[in-house]
Protein backbone atom coordinates (compact mmCIF):
# COMPACT_ATOMS: atom_id res chain seq x y z
CA UNK A 1 -0.01 0.03 -0.01
CA UNK A 2 1.22 3.52 -0.86
CA UNK A 3 1.86 5.83 2.04
CA UNK A 4 -0.68 8.34 0.64
CA UNK A 5 -3.29 5.59 0.36
CA UNK A 6 -2.65 4.63 4.03
CA UNK A 7 -3.11 8.23 5.14
CA UNK A 8 -6.42 8.48 3.33
CA UNK A 9 -7.82 5.28 4.76
CA UNK A 10 -6.81 6.27 8.26
CA UNK A 11 -8.22 9.83 7.95
CA UNK A 12 -11.59 8.95 6.40
CA UNK A 13 -13.35 7.80 9.52
CA UNK A 14 -12.24 10.91 11.39
CA UNK A 15 -13.20 13.48 8.73
CA UNK A 16 -16.16 11.60 7.27
CA UNK A 17 -15.05 12.56 3.72
CA UNK A 18 -12.41 10.72 1.70
CA UNK A 19 -12.09 13.76 -0.55
CA UNK A 20 -10.35 15.64 2.21
CA UNK A 21 -7.27 13.47 1.85
CA UNK A 22 -4.61 14.61 -0.56
CA UNK A 23 -3.08 11.60 -2.35
CA UNK A 24 -1.03 11.75 -5.51
CA UNK A 25 -3.11 11.18 -8.68
CA UNK A 26 -3.63 7.52 -9.42
CA UNK A 27 -2.44 6.00 -12.70
CA UNK A 28 -5.94 5.25 -13.97
CA UNK A 29 -7.63 8.31 -15.44
CA UNK A 30 -10.97 9.06 -13.90
CA UNK A 31 -13.61 11.78 -14.00
CA UNK A 32 -15.46 12.94 -10.90
CA UNK A 33 -18.84 14.62 -11.42
CA UNK A 34 -20.11 16.55 -8.37
CA UNK A 35 -23.76 17.45 -8.47
CA UNK A 36 -26.53 19.22 -6.51
CA UNK A 37 -30.17 20.03 -7.07
CA UNK A 38 -32.98 21.98 -5.31
CA UNK A 39 -30.77 23.92 -3.00
CA UNK A 40 -33.61 26.53 -2.78
CA UNK A 41 -31.72 29.53 -1.51
CA UNK A 42 -30.30 27.58 1.45
CA UNK A 43 -27.34 29.86 1.85
CA UNK A 44 -26.61 29.24 5.49
CA UNK A 45 -25.79 26.08 7.43
CA UNK A 46 -28.99 25.01 9.18
CA UNK A 47 -28.63 22.95 12.40
CA UNK A 48 -25.22 21.63 11.27
CA UNK A 49 -26.33 20.75 7.77
CA UNK A 50 -25.99 22.39 4.36
CA UNK A 51 -24.69 25.88 3.67
CA UNK A 52 -22.86 27.44 0.69
CA UNK A 53 -19.56 27.84 2.60
CA UNK A 54 -19.55 24.20 3.61
CA UNK A 55 -20.52 23.05 0.09
CA UNK A 56 -17.70 25.14 -1.39
CA UNK A 57 -15.17 23.66 1.07
CA UNK A 58 -16.10 20.13 0.05
CA UNK A 59 -16.01 20.91 -3.69
CA UNK A 60 -12.61 22.59 -3.26
CA UNK A 61 -11.25 19.59 -1.43
CA UNK A 62 -12.33 17.25 -4.23
CA UNK A 63 -10.88 19.58 -6.80
CA UNK A 64 -7.62 19.55 -4.88
CA UNK A 65 -7.38 15.75 -4.84
CA UNK A 66 -8.88 14.85 -8.26
CA UNK A 67 -7.46 15.76 -11.64
CA UNK A 68 -10.76 15.92 -13.55
CA UNK A 69 -13.79 17.39 -11.81
CA UNK A 70 -17.00 18.65 -13.39
CA UNK A 71 -19.63 20.39 -11.22
CA UNK A 72 -23.32 20.24 -12.14
CA UNK A 73 -26.50 21.75 -10.70
CA UNK A 74 -29.91 20.34 -11.68
CA UNK A 75 -32.07 23.44 -10.97
CA UNK A 76 -34.17 25.18 -8.35
CA UNK A 77 -31.22 26.87 -6.72
CA UNK A 78 -33.47 29.75 -5.70
CA UNK A 79 -36.62 30.28 -3.72
CA UNK A 80 -37.30 29.23 -0.13
CA UNK A 81 -35.48 31.63 2.15
CA UNK A 82 -35.28 35.33 2.81
CA UNK A 83 -32.20 35.57 0.67
CA UNK A 84 -34.38 35.19 -2.42
CA UNK A 85 -37.51 36.92 -1.16
CA UNK A 86 -35.52 40.06 -0.27
CA UNK A 87 -32.72 40.07 -2.91
CA UNK A 88 -34.34 38.29 -5.89
CA UNK A 89 -31.34 36.28 -6.92
CA UNK A 90 -28.67 38.86 -6.29
CA UNK A 91 -27.18 36.48 -3.76
CA UNK A 92 -27.65 33.01 -5.23
CA UNK A 93 -26.44 33.68 -8.77
CA UNK A 94 -23.08 35.24 -7.72
CA UNK A 95 -22.59 32.45 -5.15
CA UNK A 96 -23.06 29.79 -7.78
CA UNK A 97 -20.37 31.47 -9.86
CA UNK A 98 -18.07 31.68 -6.86
CA UNK A 99 -18.48 27.96 -6.23
CA UNK A 100 -17.61 27.45 -9.89
CA UNK A 101 -20.34 25.31 -11.39
CA UNK A 102 -19.57 24.03 -14.84
CA UNK A 103 -23.09 23.05 -15.96
CA UNK A 104 -26.46 24.25 -14.99
CA UNK A 105 -30.13 23.65 -15.96
CA UNK A 106 -33.26 25.57 -15.12
CA UNK A 107 -35.66 24.55 -12.35
CA UNK A 108 -39.23 25.64 -12.34
CA UNK A 109 -38.58 28.14 -9.55
CA UNK A 110 -36.02 30.01 -11.56
CA UNK A 111 -39.07 31.48 -13.33
CA UNK A 112 -40.66 32.81 -10.16
CA UNK A 113 -39.86 36.43 -11.03
CA UNK A 114 -40.70 36.09 -14.70
CA UNK A 115 -38.65 35.60 -17.82
CA UNK A 116 -37.26 39.15 -18.10
CA UNK A 117 -35.75 38.99 -14.60
CA UNK A 118 -34.51 35.42 -15.30
CA UNK A 119 -32.81 36.53 -18.50
CA UNK A 120 -30.99 39.33 -16.70
CA UNK A 121 -29.81 36.92 -13.98
CA UNK A 122 -28.94 33.99 -16.21
CA UNK A 123 -26.81 36.11 -18.58
CA UNK A 124 -24.42 36.42 -15.63
CA UNK A 125 -24.13 32.70 -15.19
CA UNK A 126 -20.73 31.27 -15.78
CA UNK A 127 -20.31 27.83 -17.26
CA UNK A 128 -22.65 25.99 -19.64
CA UNK A 129 -26.42 26.77 -19.57
CA UNK A 130 -28.34 23.92 -20.94
CA UNK A 131 -31.93 23.45 -22.12
CA UNK A 132 -32.70 21.04 -24.94
CA UNK A 133 -36.53 20.92 -24.78
CA UNK A 134 -37.52 24.50 -24.12
CA UNK A 135 -37.80 26.66 -27.26
CA UNK A 136 -37.14 30.24 -26.19
CA UNK A 137 -37.43 31.73 -29.71
CA UNK A 138 -38.74 35.29 -29.64
CA UNK A 139 -38.37 35.62 -25.87
CA UNK A 140 -35.95 37.38 -23.53
CA UNK A 141 -34.10 34.07 -23.11
CA UNK A 142 -33.46 33.43 -26.78
CA UNK A 143 -29.83 32.53 -27.29
CA UNK A 144 -29.06 32.19 -23.60
CA UNK A 145 -29.12 28.38 -23.55
CA UNK A 146 -27.71 25.58 -25.63
CA UNK A 147 -29.18 22.04 -25.87
CA UNK A 148 -26.00 20.22 -25.00
CA UNK A 149 -22.35 20.71 -24.32
CA UNK A 150 -19.35 18.36 -24.92
CA UNK A 151 -16.53 18.35 -22.37
CA UNK A 152 -13.19 16.87 -23.42
CA UNK A 153 -11.55 15.08 -20.53
CA UNK A 154 -8.18 13.32 -20.99
CA UNK A 155 -9.00 12.51 -24.65
CA UNK A 156 -12.55 11.38 -23.92
CA UNK A 157 -15.72 13.26 -25.01
CA UNK A 158 -18.39 13.64 -22.31
CA UNK A 159 -21.76 14.99 -23.61
CA UNK A 160 -24.23 16.71 -21.29
CA UNK A 161 -27.89 17.34 -22.22
CA UNK A 162 -30.24 19.77 -20.38
CA UNK A 163 -33.85 18.68 -19.95
CA UNK A 164 -36.64 20.72 -18.36
CA UNK A 165 -40.09 19.87 -16.90
CA UNK A 166 -43.41 20.46 -18.67
CA UNK A 167 -44.33 23.95 -17.30
CA UNK A 168 -48.17 23.44 -17.74
CA UNK A 169 -50.07 23.56 -14.45
CA UNK A 170 -46.77 23.99 -12.63
CA UNK A 171 -45.26 27.36 -13.58
CA UNK A 172 -47.65 30.36 -13.55
CA UNK A 173 -48.45 31.32 -17.14
CA UNK A 174 -47.61 34.96 -16.37
CA UNK A 175 -44.01 33.91 -15.61
CA UNK A 176 -43.16 31.67 -18.55
CA UNK A 177 -43.58 31.72 -22.34
CA UNK A 178 -41.82 28.83 -23.97
CA UNK A 179 -42.56 26.12 -26.43
CA UNK A 180 -42.24 22.81 -24.60
CA UNK A 181 -40.91 19.81 -26.47
CA UNK A 182 -41.39 16.21 -25.42
CA UNK A 183 -38.65 15.17 -22.94
CA UNK A 184 -38.14 11.60 -24.09
CA UNK A 185 -38.22 12.39 -27.80
CA UNK A 186 -35.75 15.26 -27.42
CA UNK A 187 -33.56 13.30 -24.99
CA UNK A 188 -33.26 10.24 -27.26
CA UNK A 189 -32.68 12.36 -30.36
CA UNK A 190 -29.97 14.46 -28.73
CA UNK A 191 -28.34 11.50 -27.01
CA UNK A 192 -28.16 9.63 -30.34
CA UNK A 193 -26.59 12.67 -31.94
CA UNK A 194 -23.95 12.87 -29.21
CA UNK A 195 -23.14 9.20 -29.27
CA UNK A 196 -23.37 8.41 -33.00
CA UNK A 197 -22.41 11.61 -34.78
CA UNK A 198 -20.37 13.49 -32.19
CA UNK A 199 -18.68 10.30 -31.00
CA UNK A 200 -19.14 10.98 -27.32
CA UNK A 201 -17.82 8.31 -25.00
CA UNK A 202 -20.38 9.12 -22.29
CA UNK A 203 -23.75 10.87 -22.30
CA UNK A 204 -25.14 12.53 -19.20
CA UNK A 205 -28.67 13.93 -19.02
CA UNK A 206 -29.04 16.78 -16.48
CA UNK A 207 -32.78 17.05 -15.74
CA UNK A 208 -35.26 18.92 -13.67
CA UNK A 209 -38.29 16.68 -14.11
CA UNK A 210 -38.38 14.62 -10.95
CA UNK A 211 -37.86 10.98 -9.95
CA UNK A 212 -41.23 10.10 -8.39
CA UNK A 213 -44.58 10.01 -10.26
CA UNK A 214 -47.12 12.59 -9.00
CA UNK A 215 -48.96 13.40 -12.23
CA UNK A 216 -48.83 12.72 -15.96
CA UNK A 217 -45.48 14.43 -16.37
CA UNK A 218 -42.38 12.47 -17.49
CA UNK A 219 -40.03 11.35 -14.72
CA UNK A 220 -36.35 10.37 -14.63
CA UNK A 221 -37.41 6.76 -14.15
CA UNK A 222 -39.51 6.80 -17.35
CA UNK A 223 -36.74 8.67 -19.18
CA UNK A 224 -34.22 6.04 -18.21
CA UNK A 225 -36.48 3.14 -19.27
CA UNK A 226 -37.19 4.75 -22.64
CA UNK A 227 -33.60 5.77 -23.42
CA UNK A 228 -30.90 4.02 -25.49
CA UNK A 229 -27.86 6.28 -25.50
CA UNK A 230 -28.03 7.97 -22.08
CA UNK A 231 -25.55 6.56 -19.49
CA UNK A 232 -26.24 8.79 -16.50
CA UNK A 233 -29.19 10.95 -15.40
CA UNK A 234 -28.58 13.70 -12.89
CA UNK A 235 -31.90 14.88 -11.67
CA UNK A 236 -33.88 17.32 -9.57
CA UNK A 237 -37.34 18.71 -8.83
CA UNK A 238 -38.79 15.91 -6.70
CA UNK A 239 -36.32 16.39 -3.81
CA UNK A 240 -35.60 12.69 -3.89
CA UNK A 241 -32.53 11.52 -1.88
CA UNK A 242 -31.27 8.61 -3.94
CA UNK A 243 -28.99 6.87 -1.46
CA UNK A 244 -26.77 4.07 -2.86
CA UNK A 245 -26.57 2.64 0.65
CA UNK A 246 -30.33 2.06 0.54
CA UNK A 247 -31.19 0.99 -2.99
CA UNK A 248 -34.43 -0.60 -1.83
CA UNK A 249 -36.03 2.82 -1.37
CA UNK A 250 -35.12 4.56 -4.65
CA UNK A 251 -33.31 2.60 -7.34
CA UNK A 252 -30.16 4.26 -8.75
CA UNK A 253 -29.78 1.68 -11.53
CA UNK A 254 -32.65 1.48 -14.00
CA UNK A 255 -32.60 -0.63 -17.17
CA UNK A 256 -33.00 1.27 -20.40
CA UNK A 257 -34.95 0.27 -23.50
CA UNK A 258 -32.22 -2.29 -24.33
CA UNK A 259 -31.89 -3.61 -20.85
CA UNK A 260 -28.67 -1.78 -20.05
CA UNK A 261 -28.58 -0.06 -16.61
CA UNK A 262 -28.64 3.73 -16.50
CA UNK A 263 -27.26 5.42 -13.39
CA UNK A 264 -29.94 7.81 -11.98
CA UNK A 265 -28.94 10.19 -9.17
CA UNK A 266 -30.44 12.95 -7.11
CA UNK A 267 -29.38 14.55 -3.74
CA UNK A 268 -32.64 15.53 -2.00
CA UNK A 269 -33.03 19.24 -1.15
CA UNK A 270 -31.55 22.26 0.51
CA UNK A 271 -27.93 21.45 -0.28
CA UNK A 272 -27.50 18.90 2.52
CA UNK A 273 -25.71 16.47 0.23
CA UNK A 274 -23.42 16.58 -2.75
CA UNK A 275 -23.55 13.67 -5.13
CA UNK A 276 -20.27 12.23 -6.37
CA UNK A 277 -20.08 10.12 -9.56
CA UNK A 278 -16.79 8.49 -10.39
CA UNK A 279 -16.15 7.37 -13.97
CA UNK A 280 -13.11 5.34 -15.02
CA UNK A 281 -12.14 7.00 -18.30
CA UNK A 282 -9.98 4.07 -19.30
CA UNK A 283 -12.90 1.65 -19.20
CA UNK A 284 -15.70 3.61 -20.87
CA UNK A 285 -16.10 1.26 -23.86
CA UNK A 286 -18.97 -1.07 -23.06
CA UNK A 287 -19.47 0.48 -19.61
CA UNK A 288 -23.01 0.96 -18.21
CA UNK A 289 -24.48 2.62 -15.14
CA UNK A 290 -23.27 -0.13 -12.85
CA UNK A 291 -19.67 0.72 -13.74
CA UNK A 292 -19.99 4.33 -12.51
CA UNK A 293 -19.35 4.75 -8.78
CA UNK A 294 -21.84 6.79 -6.88
CA UNK A 295 -21.82 8.16 -3.30
CA UNK A 296 -23.45 10.97 -1.28
CA UNK A 297 -21.26 13.43 0.60
CA UNK A 298 -23.04 14.95 3.67
CA UNK A 299 -22.59 18.74 3.79
CA UNK A 300 -22.03 19.59 7.48
CA UNK A 301 -20.39 22.19 9.64
CA UNK A 302 -17.28 20.07 10.24
CA UNK A 303 -14.93 22.55 8.57
CA UNK A 304 -13.06 25.09 10.71
CA UNK A 305 -13.47 28.69 9.76
CA UNK A 306 -10.04 28.92 8.22
CA UNK A 307 -11.11 26.30 5.65
CA UNK A 308 -14.10 28.41 4.55
CA UNK A 309 -13.98 30.72 1.51
CA UNK A 310 -13.21 34.25 2.77
CA UNK A 311 -14.48 35.81 -0.45
CA UNK A 312 -17.90 34.28 0.07
CA UNK A 313 -18.00 35.29 3.76
CA UNK A 314 -17.26 38.90 2.84
CA UNK A 315 -19.79 38.87 -0.04
CA UNK A 316 -22.55 37.52 2.22
CA UNK A 317 -21.97 39.79 5.20
CA UNK A 318 -24.28 42.72 4.30
CA UNK A 319 -27.05 40.41 3.12
CA UNK A 320 -26.75 38.18 6.21
CA UNK A 321 -27.06 41.14 8.55
CA UNK A 322 -30.48 42.04 7.07
CA UNK A 323 -31.68 38.39 6.98
CA UNK A 324 -30.56 37.83 10.58
CA UNK A 325 -32.44 40.92 11.85
CA UNK A 326 -35.69 39.61 10.38
CA UNK A 327 -35.13 36.02 11.40
CA UNK A 328 -34.54 37.07 15.01
CA UNK A 329 -37.70 39.10 15.28
CA UNK A 330 -40.19 36.94 17.39
CA UNK A 331 -43.84 37.65 16.67
CA UNK A 332 -45.75 34.62 18.04
CA UNK A 333 -45.65 31.28 19.79
CA UNK A 334 -46.60 27.85 18.47
CA UNK A 335 -47.92 25.10 20.68
CA UNK A 336 -47.07 22.32 18.20
CA UNK A 337 -44.29 21.21 15.81
CA UNK A 338 -45.66 21.81 12.37
CA UNK A 339 -43.48 20.21 9.60
CA UNK A 340 -44.05 21.28 6.05
CA UNK A 341 -43.33 17.85 4.56
CA UNK A 342 -46.79 16.54 5.28
CA UNK A 343 -49.58 17.10 2.74
CA UNK A 344 -52.17 17.23 5.53
CA UNK A 345 -51.94 18.17 9.17
CA UNK A 346 -51.11 21.12 11.37
CA UNK A 347 -49.38 23.59 9.02
CA UNK A 348 -51.52 22.70 6.01
CA UNK A 349 -54.70 23.03 8.14
CA UNK A 350 -53.56 26.34 9.66
CA UNK A 351 -52.90 27.77 6.15
CA UNK A 352 -56.26 26.72 4.81
CA UNK A 353 -58.15 27.84 7.86
CA UNK A 354 -56.44 31.19 7.62
CA UNK A 355 -57.51 31.33 3.96
CA UNK A 356 -61.18 30.74 4.92
CA UNK A 357 -61.04 33.34 7.75
CA UNK A 358 -59.22 35.93 5.65
CA UNK A 359 -61.56 35.35 2.66
CA UNK A 360 -64.63 36.04 4.80
CA UNK A 361 -62.92 38.94 6.57
CA UNK A 362 -62.28 40.67 3.25
CA UNK A 363 -65.72 39.77 1.95
CA UNK A 364 -67.26 41.37 5.02
CA UNK A 365 -65.19 44.48 4.60
CA UNK A 366 -66.09 44.73 0.90
CA UNK A 367 -69.80 44.35 1.67
CA UNK A 368 -69.59 47.17 4.16
CA UNK A 369 -68.05 49.28 1.33
CA UNK A 370 -71.08 48.53 -0.82
CA UNK A 371 -69.88 45.62 -2.94
CA UNK A 372 -72.16 42.59 -3.44
CA UNK A 373 -69.90 39.70 -2.29
CA UNK A 374 -71.30 36.45 -0.92
CA UNK A 375 -70.00 34.57 2.16
CA UNK A 376 -66.99 32.35 1.44
CA UNK A 377 -67.87 28.61 1.68
CA UNK A 378 -64.48 26.99 1.89
CA UNK A 379 -60.74 27.48 1.20
CA UNK A 380 -58.04 25.54 -0.59
CA UNK A 381 -54.36 26.30 -0.46
CA UNK A 382 -51.47 24.34 -2.03
CA UNK A 383 -49.05 22.51 0.32
CA UNK A 384 -46.36 23.18 -2.28
CA UNK A 385 -46.57 26.83 -1.37
CA UNK A 386 -45.57 26.06 2.28
CA UNK A 387 -41.78 25.97 2.20
CA UNK A 388 -40.47 25.76 5.81
CA UNK A 389 -41.09 23.87 8.98
CA UNK A 390 -42.60 25.67 11.96
CA UNK A 391 -41.33 24.10 15.17
CA UNK A 392 -43.01 24.53 18.54
CA UNK A 393 -41.93 27.65 20.41
CA UNK A 394 -40.94 31.05 19.02
CA UNK A 395 -42.19 32.02 15.60
CA UNK A 396 -40.18 34.78 13.85
CA UNK A 397 -41.06 37.22 11.12
CA UNK A 398 -38.39 35.49 9.06
CA UNK A 399 -40.02 32.12 9.51
CA UNK A 400 -43.35 33.36 8.16
CA UNK A 401 -41.79 35.10 5.21
CA UNK A 402 -39.74 31.99 4.36
CA UNK A 403 -42.72 29.64 4.91
CA UNK A 404 -44.79 31.58 2.49
CA UNK A 405 -42.19 33.02 0.16
CA UNK A 406 -44.06 33.18 -3.17
CA UNK A 407 -45.41 36.25 -4.88
CA UNK A 408 -49.02 34.87 -4.77
CA UNK A 409 -52.17 36.78 -3.90
CA UNK A 410 -55.34 35.73 -2.14
CA UNK A 411 -58.33 35.38 -4.34
CA UNK A 412 -62.11 34.84 -3.87
CA UNK A 413 -63.71 32.96 -6.71
CA UNK A 414 -66.97 31.14 -7.66
CA UNK A 415 -66.37 27.53 -8.64
CA UNK A 416 -68.82 24.90 -9.87
CA UNK A 417 -69.02 21.87 -7.63
CA UNK A 418 -67.92 19.51 -10.41
CA UNK A 419 -64.83 21.51 -11.11
CA UNK A 420 -63.83 21.49 -7.43
CA UNK A 421 -64.51 17.75 -7.24
CA UNK A 422 -62.27 17.13 -10.22
CA UNK A 423 -59.48 19.12 -8.58
CA UNK A 424 -59.88 16.98 -5.42
CA UNK A 425 -59.54 13.83 -7.52
CA UNK A 426 -56.03 15.05 -8.38
CA UNK A 427 -55.32 16.19 -4.77
CA UNK A 428 -56.45 12.85 -3.31
CA UNK A 429 -54.11 10.90 -5.57
CA UNK A 430 -51.23 13.00 -4.39
CA UNK A 431 -52.06 12.48 -0.75
CA UNK A 432 -53.89 15.72 -0.04
CA UNK A 433 -53.81 19.49 -0.19
CA UNK A 434 -54.62 22.22 2.39
CA UNK A 435 -58.44 22.53 2.71
CA UNK A 436 -60.40 24.40 5.41
CA UNK A 437 -61.82 22.81 8.56
CA UNK A 438 -65.35 22.35 7.16
CA UNK A 439 -64.18 20.10 4.27
CA UNK A 440 -63.48 16.40 4.19
CA UNK A 441 -62.17 14.68 1.03
CA UNK A 442 -62.85 10.94 1.08
CA UNK A 443 -60.99 8.45 -1.06
CA UNK A 444 -60.54 4.70 -1.21
CA UNK A 445 -57.38 2.91 -0.11
CA UNK A 446 -55.75 3.62 -3.55
CA UNK A 447 -56.44 7.34 -3.41
CA UNK A 448 -59.39 7.30 -5.76
CA UNK A 449 -61.89 9.97 -4.78
CA UNK A 450 -65.21 8.84 -3.42
CA UNK A 451 -66.76 12.16 -2.37
CA UNK A 452 -66.21 15.69 -1.13
CA UNK A 453 -68.07 16.73 1.99
CA UNK A 454 -68.55 20.37 3.02
CA UNK A 455 -70.24 21.39 6.28
CA UNK A 456 -71.49 17.78 6.75
CA UNK A 457 -73.12 17.45 3.33
CA UNK A 458 -71.83 15.97 0.08
CA UNK A 459 -70.79 18.63 -2.42
CA UNK A 460 -73.31 19.15 -5.20
CA UNK A 461 -71.63 18.83 -8.61
CA UNK A 462 -74.14 21.24 -10.05
CA UNK A 463 -73.90 23.80 -7.28
CA UNK A 464 -71.77 26.92 -7.15
CA UNK A 465 -69.32 27.43 -4.26
CA UNK A 466 -67.39 30.50 -3.18
CA UNK A 467 -63.83 29.54 -2.58
CA UNK A 468 -60.90 31.42 -1.00
CA UNK A 469 -57.53 30.48 -2.46
CA UNK A 470 -54.51 32.04 -4.14
CA UNK A 471 -54.13 33.14 -7.74
CA UNK A 472 -51.64 30.36 -8.45
CA UNK A 473 -54.23 27.67 -7.66
CA UNK A 474 -57.00 29.60 -9.33
CA UNK A 475 -54.98 29.43 -12.59
CA UNK A 476 -55.25 25.60 -12.43
CA UNK A 477 -51.66 25.00 -11.30
CA UNK A 478 -50.41 22.09 -9.15
CA UNK A 479 -52.34 19.90 -11.59
CA UNK A 480 -55.76 21.15 -10.40
CA UNK A 481 -56.56 22.37 -13.90
CA UNK A 482 -60.35 22.37 -13.46
CA UNK A 483 -60.17 25.26 -11.02
CA UNK A 484 -59.12 27.54 -13.91
CA UNK A 485 -62.88 27.46 -14.92
CA UNK A 486 -63.66 29.75 -11.96
CA UNK A 487 -65.33 33.17 -11.96
CA UNK A 488 -63.19 35.78 -10.19
CA UNK A 489 -64.87 37.76 -7.42
CA UNK A 490 -61.96 39.52 -5.70
CA UNK A 491 -58.14 39.51 -5.90
CA UNK A 492 -55.96 40.93 -3.07
CA UNK A 493 -53.28 43.50 -3.92
CA UNK A 494 -50.67 42.28 -1.43
CA UNK A 495 -48.68 39.06 -1.30
CA UNK A 496 -50.00 36.27 0.84
CA UNK A 497 -47.30 36.61 3.41
CA UNK A 498 -48.45 40.05 4.44
CA UNK A 499 -51.93 39.18 5.88
CA UNK A 500 -50.62 35.91 7.29
CA UNK A 501 -47.84 37.75 9.14
CA UNK A 502 -50.36 40.24 10.51
CA UNK A 503 -52.54 37.38 11.74
CA UNK A 504 -49.65 35.85 13.68
CA UNK A 505 -48.88 39.16 15.21
CA UNK A 506 -52.53 39.62 16.19
CA UNK A 507 -52.47 36.27 18.00
CA UNK A 508 -49.70 37.57 20.22
CA UNK A 509 -51.54 40.86 20.83
CA UNK A 510 -54.58 38.81 21.99
CA UNK A 511 -52.34 36.61 24.17
CA UNK A 512 -53.20 33.53 22.11
CA UNK A 513 -50.76 30.79 20.99
CA UNK A 514 -50.79 29.30 17.51
CA UNK A 515 -52.63 26.03 18.03
CA UNK A 516 -53.97 24.64 14.74
CA UNK A 517 -56.36 21.74 14.26
CA UNK A 518 -54.21 18.63 13.63
CA UNK A 519 -56.87 16.27 12.32
CA UNK A 520 -56.45 15.16 8.69
CA UNK A 521 -58.97 16.43 6.22
CA UNK A 522 -58.14 13.95 3.42
CA UNK A 523 -59.48 10.71 4.75
CA UNK A 524 -59.99 7.15 3.43
CA UNK A 525 -63.09 5.05 3.62
CA UNK A 526 -64.66 6.92 6.51
CA UNK A 527 -68.45 7.23 6.88
CA UNK A 528 -69.23 10.93 7.40
């Protein structure tokens, strides 16, 4: 055994990261691909996990030890904390350049401030900007992206393809204007071009389409099964942690159309892990997904301050001071832990119940002002719009703004019963959405809708119901397309976080804790 090999083996258990060792380069030529996805503006280390400074330290350590390193991000690097809500990408885009990403694709949340803003931000992006199946012709983003890029590494040609999710019923129509092209068709055509005509030795698809199946949109699993010339899929969107140590949960090796395994990877969310793919460049001929090593590197606060990037620290300082001041401002108290990962329960219920209360509060005010507005019957909010946990104890202003970060607006609308029922069919298959306390959505064991009950009576498909929601849902997004058939009654002129924040403050003024109903409102086979 070489002395450097011995030092690495001895140090690994202590440091928890083999990449922190500094051996001489091995004889065999290899490529290391480091990848992230769905970091969602998680700039700071949170309870010992994640953080841009810690991520940069890991990436730098790998670059120091490995000759050939390519860094990839699979989208949604913005939205989810005050850094994006307050500074609209002025923090995250420069940080990604400072880290030195080589390849990036768009996530759906990159469109949250519209295409004009996205074009301004993305034109500053260093490295390759990939999108093969979005046609940006005639838009602000025309010419900003390329469908693929070929990286030459020690005499080998590595092709990377960028693939984006179908934006329909996902990205607000006011924020995106692209021609979407079928993912599998474009992927196979481009991969064949790279393998057969461009003579690439390896083809990597970098996607933001998701691993799990929640709707009729194409997933990484389906792409892998339908592919022929793709060797590796680096994914995002579904926040799936594909852990090679637990293949029984999410498979990382999926047979393609010819039975050859494709390596499929994804690192969860919030930058808590970096994926590391190792490719033996000397053995690429005839190689398949099983020949590419894969591991997850936990991003933790194990690095001493002297190992952290001083340039990033100095860059972040003025932004961090503002964010910290808001995050430290306590406005209320919660009696319960309310995680945001559940599709039903405390935080979802609180959000929907607030929507019903606020809808009726505004309707009452508008009636007093002379407008003819009926009482609001129910409320529905999307759990995808709830982005942070709310632990028991102190609730800060920053928590509220980060929990409800999107530029959505409350809306009162009239909806036909049949359209609401159709939307609940979709919601039930997903496991639920946030509905107000007077609603129960009943499904069978497989998630197939049986009935919708409001105020103890089954919803009438022919009836009209007055619903409080947000404009994003009213457009038919989150796959609840039937709600787009609504009739608008009122639209708020402030973002949703503003009245929610005021409500939390009012609870404190009244001496009341935040104590939401915890009972599930999407139920299975219950007689009501």
